Amino acid sequence: MLIRYKKSFEKIAMGLLSFMPEEKEIKKLQQTMKSYEEKDHWQLYLWKDEEIIGVIGIKEKEDTVKVQHISVNPSYRMEGIGKKMVKELKEMHTNKKIVPNSSTSNFFHKCEEEDPTE
């Protein structure tokens, strides 16, 4: 299930975000985390089963939610965790259009292709 990011989850969130190619450099990663912590329209969610294994970050606008980041612990990839995060995000924001940014676009559209009911 998706849970809202809290400061106590900072290290795990940074670890998961660091799997994204554009977040490899520590300065960029710290800047991204600061945005999620300080900007009201930026929200970070963590996927928790028995432990936290995924992260999805969004930027909310009036009628859209842009998926900025999406990452799953490599040990849990190919298990549908990313798809579950996108699906739950859509359920949380039924009144808004969910769209990817350039770095999440390929994965996002792959999720939609494989589940045409969305």
PDB file of N, CA and C in Angstrom:
ATOM      1  N   MET A   1       0.830  -1.178   0.000  1.00  0.00           N
ATOM      2  CA  MET A   1       0.000   0.000   0.000  1.00  0.00           C
ATOM      3  C   MET A   1       0.880   1.249   0.000  1.00  0.00           C
ATOM      4  N   LEU A   2       0.347   2.327  -0.544  1.00  0.00           N
ATOM      5  CA  LEU A   2       1.087   3.586  -0.556  1.00  0.00           C
ATOM      6  C   LEU A   2       0.925   4.295   0.775  1.00  0.00           C
ATOM      7  N   ILE A   3       2.041   4.781   1.302  1.00  0.00           N
ATOM      8  CA  ILE A   3       2.018   5.582   2.518  1.00  0.00           C
ATOM      9  C   ILE A   3       2.734   6.897   2.229  1.00  0.00           C
ATOM     10  N   ARG A   4       2.310   7.955   2.905  1.00  0.00           N
ATOM     11  CA  ARG A   4       2.933   9.261   2.710  1.00  0.00           C
ATOM     12  C   ARG A   4       4.335   9.265   3.295  1.00  0.00           C
ATOM     13  N   TYR A   5       5.223   9.952   2.616  1.00  0.00           N
ATOM     14  CA  TYR A   5       6.603  10.101   3.072  1.00  0.00           C
ATOM     15  C   TYR A   5       6.636  10.898   4.372  1.00  0.00           C
ATOM     16  N   LYS A   6       7.484  10.458   5.291  1.00  0.00           N
ATOM     17  CA  LYS A   6       7.797  11.191   6.521  1.00  0.00           C
ATOM     18  C   LYS A   6       9.315  11.284   6.606  1.00  0.00           C
ATOM     19  N   LYS A   7       9.793  12.282   7.304  1.00  0.00           N
ATOM     20  CA  LYS A   7      11.235  12.515   7.443  1.00  0.00           C
ATOM     21  C   LYS A   7      11.950  11.264   7.964  1.00  0.00           C
ATOM     22  N   SER A   8      11.301  10.485   8.793  1.00  0.00           N
ATOM     23  CA  SER A   8      11.930   9.275   9.340  1.00  0.00           C
ATOM     24  C   SER A   8      12.223   8.229   8.260  1.00  0.00           C
ATOM     25  N   PHE A   9      11.609   8.373   7.082  1.00  0.00           N
ATOM     26  CA  PHE A   9      11.851   7.460   5.964  1.00  0.00           C
ATOM     27  C   PHE A   9      12.871   8.013   4.965  1.00  0.00           C
ATOM     28  N   GLU A  10      13.556   9.086   5.339  1.00  0.00           N
ATOM     29  CA  GLU A  10      14.430   9.787   4.395  1.00  0.00           C
ATOM     30  C   GLU A  10      15.477   8.881   3.753  1.00  0.00           C
ATOM     31  N   LYS A  11      16.186   8.092   4.549  1.00  0.00           N
ATOM     32  CA  LYS A  11      17.262   7.266   4.003  1.00  0.00           C
ATOM     33  C   LYS A  11      16.742   6.226   3.019  1.00  0.00           C
ATOM     34  N   ILE A  12      15.657   5.568   3.357  1.00  0.00           N
ATOM     35  CA  ILE A  12      15.121   4.554   2.440  1.00  0.00           C
ATOM     36  C   ILE A  12      14.583   5.208   1.175  1.00  0.00           C
ATOM     37  N   ALA A  13      13.932   6.360   1.320  1.00  0.00           N
ATOM     38  CA  ALA A  13      13.408   7.068   0.140  1.00  0.00           C
ATOM     39  C   ALA A  13      14.552   7.499  -0.767  1.00  0.00           C
ATOM     40  N   MET A  14      15.615   8.029  -0.190  1.00  0.00           N
ATOM     41  CA  MET A  14      16.770   8.442  -0.990  1.00  0.00           C
ATOM     42  C   MET A  14      17.400   7.242  -1.687  1.00  0.00           C
ATOM     43  N   GLY A  15      17.484   6.133  -0.990  1.00  0.00           N
ATOM     44  CA  GLY A  15      18.034   4.917  -1.581  1.00  0.00           C
ATOM     45  C   GLY A  15      17.232   4.459  -2.781  1.00  0.00           C
ATOM     46  N   LEU A  16      15.912   4.473  -2.653  1.00  0.00           N
ATOM     47  CA  LEU A  16      15.048   4.055  -3.756  1.00  0.00           C
ATOM     48  C   LEU A  16      15.108   5.040  -4.920  1.00  0.00           C
ATOM     49  N   LEU A  17      15.096   6.332  -4.605  1.00  0.00           N
ATOM     50  CA  LEU A  17      15.182   7.342  -5.670  1.00  0.00           C
ATOM     51  C   LEU A  17      16.518   7.276  -6.407  1.00  0.00           C
ATOM     52  N   SER A  18      17.570   6.862  -5.701  1.00  0.00           N
ATOM     53  CA  SER A  18      18.899   6.823  -6.326  1.00  0.00           C
ATOM     54  C   SER A  18      18.993   5.787  -7.448  1.00  0.00           C
ATOM     55  N   PHE A  19      18.008   4.884  -7.551  1.00  0.00           N
ATOM     56  CA  PHE A  19      17.994   3.925  -8.656  1.00  0.00           C
ATOM     57  C   PHE A  19      17.583   4.583  -9.973  1.00  0.00           C
ATOM     58  N   MET A  20      17.004   5.784  -9.892  1.00  0.00           N
ATOM     59  CA  MET A  20      16.630   6.498 -11.117  1.00  0.00           C
ATOM     60  C   MET A  20      17.869   7.163 -11.698  1.00  0.00           C
ATOM     61  N   PRO A  21      18.109   7.025 -12.990  1.00  0.00           N
ATOM     62  CA  PRO A  21      19.342   7.548 -13.599  1.00  0.00           C
ATOM     63  C   PRO A  21      19.626   9.022 -13.313  1.00  0.00           C
ATOM     64  N   GLU A  22      18.588   9.867 -13.322  1.00  0.00           N
ATOM     65  CA  GLU A  22      18.834  11.293 -13.096  1.00  0.00           C
ATOM     66  C   GLU A  22      19.056  11.645 -11.628  1.00  0.00           C
ATOM     67  N   GLU A  23      18.933  10.683 -10.740  1.00  0.00           N
ATOM     68  CA  GLU A  23      19.116  10.931  -9.307  1.00  0.00           C
ATOM     69  C   GLU A  23      20.381  10.264  -8.766  1.00  0.00           C
ATOM     70  N   LYS A  24      21.304   9.901  -9.634  1.00  0.00           N
ATOM     71  CA  LYS A  24      22.534   9.210  -9.200  1.00  0.00           C
ATOM     72  C   LYS A  24      23.450  10.110  -8.371  1.00  0.00           C
ATOM     73  N   GLU A  25      23.550  11.394  -8.747  1.00  0.00           N
ATOM     74  CA  GLU A  25      24.449  12.306  -8.035  1.00  0.00           C
ATOM     75  C   GLU A  25      23.811  12.747  -6.718  1.00  0.00           C
ATOM     76  N   ILE A  26      24.576  12.715  -5.651  1.00  0.00           N
ATOM     77  CA  ILE A  26      24.056  12.997  -4.316  1.00  0.00           C
ATOM     78  C   ILE A  26      23.482  14.409  -4.200  1.00  0.00           C
ATOM     79  N   LYS A  27      24.112  15.392  -4.830  1.00  0.00           N
ATOM     80  CA  LYS A  27      23.602  16.779  -4.763  1.00  0.00           C
ATOM     81  C   LYS A  27      22.217  16.876  -5.386  1.00  0.00           C
ATOM     82  N   LYS A  28      22.034  16.238  -6.530  1.00  0.00           N
ATOM     83  CA  LYS A  28      20.735  16.246  -7.211  1.00  0.00           C
ATOM     84  C   LYS A  28      19.695  15.513  -6.365  1.00  0.00           C
ATOM     85  N   LEU A  29      20.088  14.401  -5.793  1.00  0.00           N
ATOM     86  CA  LEU A  29      19.190  13.616  -4.947  1.00  0.00           C
ATOM     87  C   LEU A  29      18.763  14.418  -3.708  1.00  0.00           C
ATOM     88  N   GLN A  30      19.698  15.109  -3.096  1.00  0.00           N
ATOM     89  CA  GLN A  30      19.375  15.938  -1.923  1.00  0.00           C
ATOM     90  C   GLN A  30      18.423  17.072  -2.301  1.00  0.00           C
ATOM     91  N   GLN A  31      18.633  17.655  -3.463  1.00  0.00           N
ATOM     92  CA  GLN A  31      17.764  18.724  -3.954  1.00  0.00           C
ATOM     93  C   GLN A  31      16.347  18.195  -4.182  1.00  0.00           C
ATOM     94  N   THR A  32      16.244  17.007  -4.761  1.00  0.00           N
ATOM     95  CA  THR A  32      14.943  16.382  -4.998  1.00  0.00           C
ATOM     96  C   THR A  32      14.225  16.123  -3.676  1.00  0.00           C
ATOM     97  N   MET A  33      14.938  15.573  -2.707  1.00  0.00           N
ATOM     98  CA  MET A  33      14.335  15.298  -1.400  1.00  0.00           C
ATOM     99  C   MET A  33      13.848  16.592  -0.742  1.00  0.00           C
ATOM    100  N   LYS A  34      14.628  17.643  -0.873  1.00  0.00           N
ATOM    101  CA  LYS A  34      14.244  18.945  -0.302  1.00  0.00           C
ATOM    102  C   LYS A  34      12.937  19.437  -0.935  1.00  0.00           C
ATOM    103  N   SER A  35      12.799  19.240  -2.244  1.00  0.00           N
ATOM    104  CA  SER A  35      11.563  19.638  -2.922  1.00  0.00           C
ATOM    105  C   SER A  35      10.361  18.873  -2.365  1.00  0.00           C
ATOM    106  N   TYR A  36      10.518  17.557  -2.175  1.00  0.00           N
ATOM    107  CA  TYR A  36       9.412  16.763  -1.634  1.00  0.00           C
ATOM    108  C   TYR A  36       9.078  17.158  -0.194  1.00  0.00           C
ATOM    109  N   GLU A  37      10.078  17.582   0.554  1.00  0.00           N
ATOM    110  CA  GLU A  37       9.840  17.957   1.950  1.00  0.00           C
ATOM    111  C   GLU A  37       9.263  19.356   2.094  1.00  0.00           C
ATOM    112  N   GLU A  38       9.608  20.273   1.187  1.00  0.00           N
ATOM    113  CA  GLU A  38       9.245  21.674   1.383  1.00  0.00           C
ATOM    114  C   GLU A  38       8.128  22.199   0.491  1.00  0.00           C
ATOM    115  N   LYS A  39       7.943  21.625  -0.662  1.00  0.00           N
ATOM    116  CA  LYS A  39       6.935  22.145  -1.593  1.00  0.00           C
ATOM    117  C   LYS A  39       5.608  21.415  -1.397  1.00  0.00           C
ATOM    118  N   ASP A  40       4.562  22.181  -1.154  1.00  0.00           N
ATOM    119  CA  ASP A  40       3.249  21.596  -0.889  1.00  0.00           C
ATOM    120  C   ASP A  40       2.704  20.773  -2.058  1.00  0.00           C
ATOM    121  N   HIS A  41       2.982  21.183  -3.284  1.00  0.00           N
ATOM    122  CA  HIS A  41       2.425  20.485  -4.445  1.00  0.00           C
ATOM    123  C   HIS A  41       3.277  19.294  -4.884  1.00  0.00           C
ATOM    124  N   TRP A  42       4.389  19.041  -4.196  1.00  0.00           N
ATOM    125  CA  TRP A  42       5.210  17.849  -4.442  1.00  0.00           C
ATOM    126  C   TRP A  42       4.892  16.852  -3.333  1.00  0.00           C
ATOM    127  N   GLN A  43       4.543  15.625  -3.709  1.00  0.00           N
ATOM    128  CA  GLN A  43       4.226  14.591  -2.724  1.00  0.00           C
ATOM    129  C   GLN A  43       5.011  13.319  -3.037  1.00  0.00           C
ATOM    130  N   LEU A  44       5.528  12.709  -1.996  1.00  0.00           N
ATOM    131  CA  LEU A  44       6.274  11.463  -2.143  1.00  0.00           C
ATOM    132  C   LEU A  44       5.541  10.378  -1.370  1.00  0.00           C
ATOM    133  N   TYR A  45       5.352   9.238  -2.027  1.00  0.00           N
ATOM    134  CA  TYR A  45       4.696   8.090  -1.402  1.00  0.00           C
ATOM    135  C   TYR A  45       5.633   6.891  -1.461  1.00  0.00           C
ATOM    136  N   LEU A  46       5.557   6.072  -0.433  1.00  0.00           N
ATOM    137  CA  LEU A  46       6.370   4.864  -0.360  1.00  0.00           C
ATOM    138  C   LEU A  46       5.443   3.660  -0.441  1.00  0.00           C
ATOM    139  N   TRP A  47       5.900   2.603  -1.124  1.00  0.00           N
ATOM    140  CA  TRP A  47       5.117   1.368  -1.211  1.00  0.00           C
ATOM    141  C   TRP A  47       5.609   0.426  -0.130  1.00  0.00           C
ATOM    142  N   LYS A  48       4.676   0.037   0.731  1.00  0.00           N
ATOM    143  CA  LYS A  48       5.036  -0.832   1.847  1.00  0.00           C
ATOM    144  C   LYS A  48       4.215  -2.103   1.802  1.00  0.00           C
ATOM    145  N   ASP A  49       4.928  -3.230   1.765  1.00  0.00           N
ATOM    146  CA  ASP A  49       4.296  -4.526   1.988  1.00  0.00           C
ATOM    147  C   ASP A  49       4.707  -4.885   3.415  1.00  0.00           C
ATOM    148  N   GLU A  50       5.651  -5.792   3.572  1.00  0.00           N
ATOM    149  CA  GLU A  50       6.212  -6.035   4.899  1.00  0.00           C
ATOM    150  C   GLU A  50       7.295  -5.010   5.190  1.00  0.00           C
ATOM    151  N   GLU A  51       7.932  -4.519   4.136  1.00  0.00           N
ATOM    152  CA  GLU A  51       8.935  -3.467   4.258  1.00  0.00           C
ATOM    153  C   GLU A  51       8.726  -2.486   3.116  1.00  0.00           C
ATOM    154  N   ILE A  52       9.409  -1.364   3.167  1.00  0.00           N
ATOM    155  CA  ILE A  52       9.286  -0.363   2.110  1.00  0.00           C
ATOM    156  C   ILE A  52      10.152  -0.792   0.930  1.00  0.00           C
ATOM    157  N   ILE A  53       9.505  -0.957  -0.230  1.00  0.00           N
ATOM    158  CA  ILE A  53      10.231  -1.485  -1.388  1.00  0.00           C
ATOM    159  C   ILE A  53      10.069  -0.639  -2.649  1.00  0.00           C
ATOM    160  N   GLY A  54       9.291   0.427  -2.573  1.00  0.00           N
ATOM    161  CA  GLY A  54       9.089   1.264  -3.747  1.00  0.00           C
ATOM    162  C   GLY A  54       8.793   2.693  -3.364  1.00  0.00           C
ATOM    163  N   VAL A  55       8.939   3.580  -4.347  1.00  0.00           N
ATOM    164  CA  VAL A  55       8.677   4.994  -4.126  1.00  0.00           C
ATOM    165  C   VAL A  55       8.066   5.585  -5.397  1.00  0.00           C
ATOM    166  N   ILE A  56       7.120   6.481  -5.208  1.00  0.00           N
ATOM    167  CA  ILE A  56       6.538   7.211  -6.340  1.00  0.00           C
ATOM    168  C   ILE A  56       6.359   8.653  -5.894  1.00  0.00           C
ATOM    169  N   GLY A  57       6.865   9.558  -6.710  1.00  0.00           N
ATOM    170  CA  GLY A  57       6.794  10.978  -6.392  1.00  0.00           C
ATOM    171  C   GLY A  57       5.993  11.722  -7.434  1.00  0.00           C
ATOM    172  N   ILE A  58       5.151  12.643  -6.961  1.00  0.00           N
ATOM    173  CA  ILE A  58       4.268  13.372  -7.867  1.00  0.00           C
ATOM    174  C   ILE A  58       4.367  14.877  -7.653  1.00  0.00           C
ATOM    175  N   LYS A  59       3.922  15.582  -8.664  1.00  0.00           N
ATOM    176  CA  LYS A  59       3.804  17.034  -8.607  1.00  0.00           C
ATOM    177  C   LYS A  59       2.361  17.336  -8.997  1.00  0.00           C
ATOM    178  N   GLU A  60       1.592  17.877  -8.056  1.00  0.00           N
ATOM    179  CA  GLU A  60       0.173  18.132  -8.295  1.00  0.00           C
ATOM    180  C   GLU A  60      -0.055  19.513  -8.879  1.00  0.00           C
ATOM    181  N   LYS A  61      -0.971  19.552  -9.846  1.00  0.00           N
ATOM    182  CA  LYS A  61      -1.444  20.812 -10.399  1.00  0.00           C
ATOM    183  C   LYS A  61      -2.957  20.797 -10.274  1.00  0.00           C
ATOM    184  N   GLU A  62      -3.619  21.831 -10.771  1.00  0.00           N
ATOM    185  CA  GLU A  62      -5.069  21.928 -10.608  1.00  0.00           C
ATOM    186  C   GLU A  62      -5.824  20.682 -11.063  1.00  0.00           C
ATOM    187  N   ASP A  63      -5.574  20.255 -12.287  1.00  0.00           N
ATOM    188  CA  ASP A  63      -6.337  19.127 -12.821  1.00  0.00           C
ATOM    189  C   ASP A  63      -5.474  17.939 -13.240  1.00  0.00           C
ATOM    190  N   THR A  64      -4.163  18.001 -12.930  1.00  0.00           N
ATOM    191  CA  THR A  64      -3.275  16.887 -13.273  1.00  0.00           C
ATOM    192  C   THR A  64      -2.349  16.537 -12.116  1.00  0.00           C
ATOM    193  N   VAL A  65      -1.885  15.314 -12.167  1.00  0.00           N
ATOM    194  CA  VAL A  65      -0.858  14.820 -11.251  1.00  0.00           C
ATOM    195  C   VAL A  65       0.246  14.274 -12.137  1.00  0.00           C
ATOM    196  N   LYS A  66       1.423  14.881 -12.040  1.00  0.00           N
ATOM    197  CA  LYS A  66       2.549  14.446 -12.877  1.00  0.00           C
ATOM    198  C   LYS A  66       3.444  13.521 -12.063  1.00  0.00           C
ATOM    199  N   VAL A  67       3.679  12.322 -12.581  1.00  0.00           N
ATOM    200  CA  VAL A  67       4.555  11.357 -11.924  1.00  0.00           C
ATOM    201  C   VAL A  67       6.002  11.762 -12.221  1.00  0.00           C
ATOM    202  N   GLN A  68       6.699  12.253 -11.187  1.00  0.00           N
ATOM    203  CA  GLN A  68       8.064  12.739 -11.308  1.00  0.00           C
ATOM    204  C   GLN A  68       9.088  11.601 -11.171  1.00  0.00           C
ATOM    205  N   HIS A  69       8.811  10.697 -10.250  1.00  0.00           N
ATOM    206  CA  HIS A  69       9.734   9.603  -9.933  1.00  0.00           C
ATOM    207  C   HIS A  69       8.937   8.335  -9.675  1.00  0.00           C
ATOM    208  N   ILE A  70       9.517   7.214 -10.066  1.00  0.00           N
ATOM    209  CA  ILE A  70       8.952   5.915  -9.708  1.00  0.00           C
ATOM    210  C   ILE A  70      10.104   4.920  -9.703  1.00  0.00           C
ATOM    211  N   SER A  71      10.235   4.217  -8.594  1.00  0.00           N
ATOM    212  CA  SER A  71      11.357   3.296  -8.458  1.00  0.00           C
ATOM    213  C   SER A  71      10.985   2.165  -7.511  1.00  0.00           C
ATOM    214  N   VAL A  72      11.499   0.985  -7.832  1.00  0.00           N
ATOM    215  CA  VAL A  72      11.265  -0.201  -7.010  1.00  0.00           C
ATOM    216  C   VAL A  72      12.623  -0.822  -6.691  1.00  0.00           C
ATOM    217  N   ASN A  73      12.773  -1.286  -5.475  1.00  0.00           N
ATOM    218  CA  ASN A  73      13.984  -1.995  -5.068  1.00  0.00           C
ATOM    219  C   ASN A  73      14.253  -3.105  -6.092  1.00  0.00           C
ATOM    220  N   PRO A  74      15.486  -3.180  -6.621  1.00  0.00           N
ATOM    221  CA  PRO A  74      15.792  -4.185  -7.651  1.00  0.00           C
ATOM    222  C   PRO A  74      15.447  -5.617  -7.254  1.00  0.00           C
ATOM    223  N   SER A  75      15.492  -5.940  -5.982  1.00  0.00           N
ATOM    224  CA  SER A  75      15.161  -7.298  -5.531  1.00  0.00           C
ATOM    225  C   SER A  75      13.686  -7.634  -5.724  1.00  0.00           C
ATOM    226  N   TYR A  76      12.854  -6.611  -5.911  1.00  0.00           N
ATOM    227  CA  TYR A  76      11.410  -6.819  -6.033  1.00  0.00           C
ATOM    228  C   TYR A  76      10.872  -6.445  -7.407  1.00  0.00           C
ATOM    229  N   ARG A  77      11.748  -6.197  -8.352  1.00  0.00           N
ATOM    230  CA  ARG A  77      11.295  -5.814  -9.689  1.00  0.00           C
ATOM    231  C   ARG A  77      10.677  -7.015 -10.404  1.00  0.00           C
ATOM    232  N   MET A  78       9.876  -6.713 -11.394  1.00  0.00           N
ATOM    233  CA  MET A  78       9.162  -7.721 -12.192  1.00  0.00           C
ATOM    234  C   MET A  78       8.084  -8.446 -11.377  1.00  0.00           C
ATOM    235  N   GLU A  79       7.647  -7.835 -10.270  1.00  0.00           N
ATOM    236  CA  GLU A  79       6.574  -8.415  -9.457  1.00  0.00           C
ATOM    237  C   GLU A  79       5.306  -7.575  -9.513  1.00  0.00           C
ATOM    238  N   GLY A  80       5.306  -6.531 -10.355  1.00  0.00           N
ATOM    239  CA  GLY A  80       4.111  -5.703 -10.494  1.00  0.00           C
ATOM    240  C   GLY A  80       3.977  -4.595  -9.469  1.00  0.00           C
ATOM    241  N   ILE A  81       5.021  -4.332  -8.691  1.00  0.00           N
ATOM    242  CA  ILE A  81       4.955  -3.297  -7.653  1.00  0.00           C
ATOM    243  C   ILE A  81       4.745  -1.913  -8.277  1.00  0.00           C
ATOM    244  N   GLY A  82       5.494  -1.611  -9.327  1.00  0.00           N
ATOM    245  CA  GLY A  82       5.347  -0.321 -10.001  1.00  0.00           C
ATOM    246  C   GLY A  82       3.930  -0.113 -10.509  1.00  0.00           C
ATOM    247  N   LYS A  83       3.361  -1.142 -11.117  1.00  0.00           N
ATOM    248  CA  LYS A  83       1.983  -1.066 -11.619  1.00  0.00           C
ATOM    249  C   LYS A  83       1.002  -0.829 -10.480  1.00  0.00           C
ATOM    250  N   LYS A  84       1.236  -1.504  -9.354  1.00  0.00           N
ATOM    251  CA  LYS A  84       0.352  -1.322  -8.199  1.00  0.00           C
ATOM    252  C   LYS A  84       0.433   0.108  -7.677  1.00  0.00           C
ATOM    253  N   MET A  85       1.640   0.681  -7.685  1.00  0.00           N
ATOM    254  CA  MET A  85       1.793   2.063  -7.219  1.00  0.00           C
ATOM    255  C   MET A  85       1.033   3.023  -8.127  1.00  0.00           C
ATOM    256  N   VAL A  86       1.165   2.833  -9.444  1.00  0.00           N
ATOM    257  CA  VAL A  86       0.458   3.693 -10.399  1.00  0.00           C
ATOM    258  C   VAL A  86      -1.053   3.530 -10.234  1.00  0.00           C
ATOM    259  N   LYS A  87      -1.516   2.303 -10.085  1.00  0.00           N
ATOM    260  CA  LYS A  87      -2.953   2.043  -9.933  1.00  0.00           C
ATOM    261  C   LYS A  87      -3.492   2.713  -8.657  1.00  0.00           C
ATOM    262  N   GLU A  88      -2.779   2.553  -7.553  1.00  0.00           N
ATOM    263  CA  GLU A  88      -3.252   3.157  -6.307  1.00  0.00           C
ATOM    264  C   GLU A  88      -3.222   4.678  -6.378  1.00  0.00           C
ATOM    265  N   LEU A  89      -2.222   5.219  -7.054  1.00  0.00           N
ATOM    266  CA  LEU A  89      -2.140   6.670  -7.245  1.00  0.00           C
ATOM    267  C   LEU A  89      -3.366   7.163  -8.015  1.00  0.00           C
ATOM    268  N   LYS A  90      -3.759   6.426  -9.053  1.00  0.00           N
ATOM    269  CA  LYS A  90      -4.942   6.788  -9.836  1.00  0.00           C
ATOM    270  C   LYS A  90      -6.201   6.732  -8.972  1.00  0.00           C
ATOM    271  N   GLU A  91      -6.267   5.755  -8.075  1.00  0.00           N
ATOM    272  CA  GLU A  91      -7.422   5.628  -7.188  1.00  0.00           C
ATOM    273  C   GLU A  91      -7.470   6.775  -6.181  1.00  0.00           C
ATOM    274  N   MET A  92      -6.315   7.291  -5.798  1.00  0.00           N
ATOM    275  CA  MET A  92      -6.247   8.403  -4.846  1.00  0.00           C
ATOM    276  C   MET A  92      -6.629   9.733  -5.488  1.00  0.00           C
ATOM    277  N   HIS A  93      -6.443   9.831  -6.791  1.00  0.00           N
ATOM    278  CA  HIS A  93      -6.666  11.094  -7.511  1.00  0.00           C
ATOM    279  C   HIS A  93      -7.641  10.882  -8.667  1.00  0.00           C
ATOM    280  N   THR A  94      -8.828  10.396  -8.357  1.00  0.00           N
ATOM    281  CA  THR A  94      -9.799  10.081  -9.408  1.00  0.00           C
ATOM    282  C   THR A  94     -10.281  11.322 -10.149  1.00  0.00           C
ATOM    283  N   ASN A  95     -10.179  12.483  -9.532  1.00  0.00           N
ATOM    284  CA  ASN A  95     -10.657  13.717 -10.150  1.00  0.00           C
ATOM    285  C   ASN A  95      -9.586  14.422 -10.978  1.00  0.00           C
ATOM    286  N   LYS A  96      -8.403  13.813 -11.097  1.00  0.00           N
ATOM    287  CA  LYS A  96      -7.308  14.427 -11.840  1.00  0.00           C
ATOM    288  C   LYS A  96      -6.741  13.450 -12.860  1.00  0.00           C
ATOM    289  N   LYS A  97      -6.153  14.012 -13.902  1.00  0.00           N
ATOM    290  CA  LYS A  97      -5.494  13.193 -14.927  1.00  0.00           C
ATOM    291  C   LYS A  97      -4.081  12.889 -14.444  1.00  0.00           C
ATOM    292  N   ILE A  98      -3.689  11.623 -14.470  1.00  0.00           N
ATOM    293  CA  ILE A  98      -2.352  11.204 -14.063  1.00  0.00           C
ATOM    294  C   ILE A  98      -1.488  11.130 -15.322  1.00  0.00           C
ATOM    295  N   VAL A  99      -0.389  11.873 -15.323  1.00  0.00           N
ATOM    296  CA  VAL A  99       0.503  11.911 -16.487  1.00  0.00           C
ATOM    297  C   VAL A  99       1.949  11.713 -16.036  1.00  0.00           C
ATOM    298  N   PRO A 100       2.770  11.133 -16.903  1.00  0.00           N
ATOM    299  CA  PRO A 100       4.185  10.960 -16.562  1.00  0.00           C
ATOM    300  C   PRO A 100       5.005  12.173 -16.992  1.00  0.00           C
ATOM    301  N   ASN A 101       6.215  12.291 -16.458  1.00  0.00           N
ATOM    302  CA  ASN A 101       7.171  13.251 -17.009  1.00  0.00           C
ATOM    303  C   ASN A 101       8.073  12.473 -17.967  1.00  0.00           C
ATOM    304  N   SER A 102       9.084  13.119 -18.512  1.00  0.00           N
ATOM    305  CA  SER A 102       9.914  12.449 -19.518  1.00  0.00           C
ATOM    306  C   SER A 102      10.669  11.243 -18.956  1.00  0.00           C
ATOM    307  N   SER A 103      11.067  11.297 -17.690  1.00  0.00           N
ATOM    308  CA  SER A 103      11.842  10.177 -17.142  1.00  0.00           C
ATOM    309  C   SER A 103      10.976   9.013 -16.680  1.00  0.00           C
ATOM    310  N   THR A 104       9.688   9.227 -16.470  1.00  0.00           N
ATOM    311  CA  THR A 104       8.808   8.135 -16.045  1.00  0.00           C
ATOM    312  C   THR A 104       7.879   7.670 -17.162  1.00  0.00           C
ATOM    313  N   SER A 105       7.933   8.328 -18.302  1.00  0.00           N
ATOM    314  CA  SER A 105       6.995   8.086 -19.399  1.00  0.00           C
ATOM    315  C   SER A 105       6.993   6.638 -19.907  1.00  0.00           C
ATOM    316  N   ASN A 106       8.158   6.088 -20.198  1.00  0.00           N
ATOM    317  CA  ASN A 106       8.212   4.726 -20.751  1.00  0.00           C
ATOM    318  C   ASN A 106       7.572   3.712 -19.814  1.00  0.00           C
ATOM    319  N   PHE A 107       7.949   3.759 -18.541  1.00  0.00           N
ATOM    320  CA  PHE A 107       7.400   2.805 -17.585  1.00  0.00           C
ATOM    321  C   PHE A 107       5.897   3.024 -17.400  1.00  0.00           C
ATOM    322  N   PHE A 108       5.500   4.283 -17.271  1.00  0.00           N
ATOM    323  CA  PHE A 108       4.096   4.624 -17.060  1.00  0.00           C
ATOM    324  C   PHE A 108       3.227   4.082 -18.190  1.00  0.00           C
ATOM    325  N   HIS A 109       3.638   4.311 -19.429  1.00  0.00           N
ATOM    326  CA  HIS A 109       2.848   3.850 -20.567  1.00  0.00           C
ATOM    327  C   HIS A 109       2.867   2.327 -20.688  1.00  0.00           C
ATOM    328  N   LYS A 110       3.952   1.697 -20.272  1.00  0.00           N
ATOM    329  CA  LYS A 110       4.017   0.239 -20.262  1.00  0.00           C
ATOM    330  C   LYS A 110       2.958  -0.315 -19.290  1.00  0.00           C
ATOM    331  N   CYS A 111       2.801   0.323 -18.152  1.00  0.00           N
ATOM    332  CA  CYS A 111       1.780  -0.100 -17.178  1.00  0.00           C
ATOM    333  C   CYS A 111       0.386  -0.015 -17.790  1.00  0.00           C
ATOM    334  N   GLU A 112       0.127   1.063 -18.507  1.00  0.00           N
ATOM    335  CA  GLU A 112      -1.198   1.248 -19.093  1.00  0.00           C
ATOM    336  C   GLU A 112      -1.458   0.279 -20.239  1.00  0.00           C
ATOM    337  N   GLU A 113      -0.440  -0.008 -21.044  1.00  0.00           N
ATOM    338  CA  GLU A 113      -0.601  -0.951 -22.157  1.00  0.00           C
ATOM    339  C   GLU A 113      -0.972  -2.335 -21.654  1.00  0.00           C
ATOM    340  N   GLU A 114      -0.358  -2.747 -20.549  1.00  0.00           N
ATOM    341  CA  GLU A 114      -0.579  -4.092 -20.048  1.00  0.00           C
ATOM    342  C   GLU A 114      -1.881  -4.224 -19.282  1.00  0.00           C
ATOM    343  N   ASP A 115      -2.507  -3.076 -18.933  1.00  0.00           N
ATOM    344  CA  ASP A 115      -3.776  -3.122 -18.220  1.00  0.00           C
ATOM    345  C   ASP A 115      -4.747  -2.135 -18.883  1.00  0.00           C
ATOM    346  N   PRO A 116      -5.394  -2.542 -19.968  1.00  0.00           N
ATOM    347  CA  PRO A 116      -6.254  -1.634 -20.713  1.00  0.00           C
ATOM    348  C   PRO A 116      -7.505  -1.201 -19.974  1.00  0.00           C
ATOM    349  N   THR A 117      -7.804  -1.782 -18.811  1.00  0.00           N
ATOM    350  CA  THR A 117      -8.980  -1.382 -18.034  1.00  0.00           C
ATOM    351  C   THR A 117      -8.749  -0.071 -17.307  1.00  0.00           C
ATOM    352  N   GLU A 118      -7.515   0.394 -17.224  1.00  0.00           N
ATOM    353  CA  GLU A 118      -7.203   1.647 -16.519  1.00  0.00           C
ATOM    354  C   GLU A 118      -7.638   2.837 -17.326  1.00  0.00           C
TER     355      GLU A 118
END
